[in-house]
Amino acid sequence: MKSARRRSRELVVQGLYQWLVTGEDIGAIDAFVRETPDFHKADEAYFKQLFYGVVKNTDDLRTSIAPH
């Protein structure tokens, strides 16, 4: 059985992948992810924190992983 936080992380990865591949608006992707059948089983606050945190810090994250 998956925990609510694990479901949140999985949904974040899906949303970020969609954002990177399509370049679609973050708000639209957020709305799309929230419409997935299992979103109600996720930790909504944790999802929001992770999803928007990664988007907000994209440049810093890319800089950190570039050497690897």
Protein backbone atom coordinates (compact mmCIF):
# COMPACT_ATOMS: atom_id res chain seq x y z
CA MET A 1 0.00 0.00 0.00
CA LYS A 2 1.36 3.40 -0.98
CA SER A 3 1.52 6.22 1.55
CA ALA A 4 -0.04 9.60 0.80
CA ARG A 5 3.43 11.16 0.57
CA ARG A 6 4.62 8.54 -1.89
CA ARG A 7 1.58 9.20 -4.09
CA SER A 8 2.38 12.91 -3.89
CA ARG A 9 5.97 12.32 -5.03
CA GLU A 10 4.80 10.18 -7.94
CA LEU A 11 2.34 12.86 -9.03
CA VAL A 12 5.02 15.54 -8.73
CA VAL A 13 7.33 13.56 -11.01
CA GLN A 14 4.52 13.14 -13.54
CA GLY A 15 3.68 16.83 -13.45
CA LEU A 16 7.31 17.92 -13.76
CA TYR A 17 7.86 15.55 -16.67
CA GLN A 18 4.83 17.00 -18.43
CA TRP A 19 6.13 20.52 -17.78
CA LEU A 20 9.61 19.75 -19.12
CA VAL A 21 8.35 17.96 -22.22
CA THR A 22 5.46 20.25 -23.18
CA GLY A 23 6.42 23.60 -21.66
CA GLU A 24 2.78 23.94 -20.68
CA ASP A 25 1.65 26.43 -18.03
CA ILE A 26 2.33 25.22 -14.48
CA GLY A 27 -1.18 26.07 -13.34
CA ALA A 28 -2.69 23.96 -16.12
CA ILE A 29 -0.45 21.03 -15.24
CA ASP A 30 -1.32 21.37 -11.57
CA ALA A 31 -5.04 21.29 -12.45
CA PHE A 32 -4.53 18.27 -14.71
CA VAL A 33 -2.64 16.34 -12.04
CA ARG A 34 -5.30 17.14 -9.45
CA GLU A 35 -7.90 15.56 -11.74
CA THR A 36 -6.14 12.18 -11.76
CA PRO A 37 -8.22 9.46 -10.09
CA ASP A 38 -5.84 8.85 -7.19
CA PHE A 39 -5.07 12.46 -6.29
CA HIS A 40 -7.47 12.30 -3.37
CA LYS A 41 -5.18 9.66 -1.84
CA ALA A 42 -2.16 11.98 -2.01
CA ASP A 43 -0.97 14.51 0.56
CA GLU A 44 -2.14 17.70 -1.18
CA ALA A 45 -0.02 20.10 0.88
CA TYR A 46 3.11 18.00 0.31
CA PHE A 47 2.36 17.79 -3.42
CA LYS A 48 2.02 21.56 -3.65
CA GLN A 49 5.21 22.18 -1.66
CA LEU A 50 7.28 19.81 -3.81
CA PHE A 51 5.82 20.70 -7.19
CA TYR A 52 6.04 24.45 -6.84
CA GLY A 53 9.31 24.23 -4.92
CA VAL A 54 11.03 22.45 -7.80
CA VAL A 55 9.56 24.82 -10.37
CA LYS A 56 10.62 27.86 -8.32
CA ASN A 57 14.17 26.54 -7.85
CA THR A 58 14.73 25.03 -11.30
CA ASP A 59 17.80 27.13 -12.10
CA ASP A 60 19.50 26.31 -8.79
CA LEU A 61 18.69 22.61 -9.17
CA ARG A 62 20.07 22.50 -12.72
CA THR A 63 23.25 24.22 -11.56
CA SER A 64 23.64 21.70 -8.75
CA ILE A 65 23.28 18.64 -10.98
CA ALA A 66 25.13 19.96 -14.06
CA PRO A 67 28.56 18.67 -12.96
CA HIS A 68 27.16 15.15 -12.66
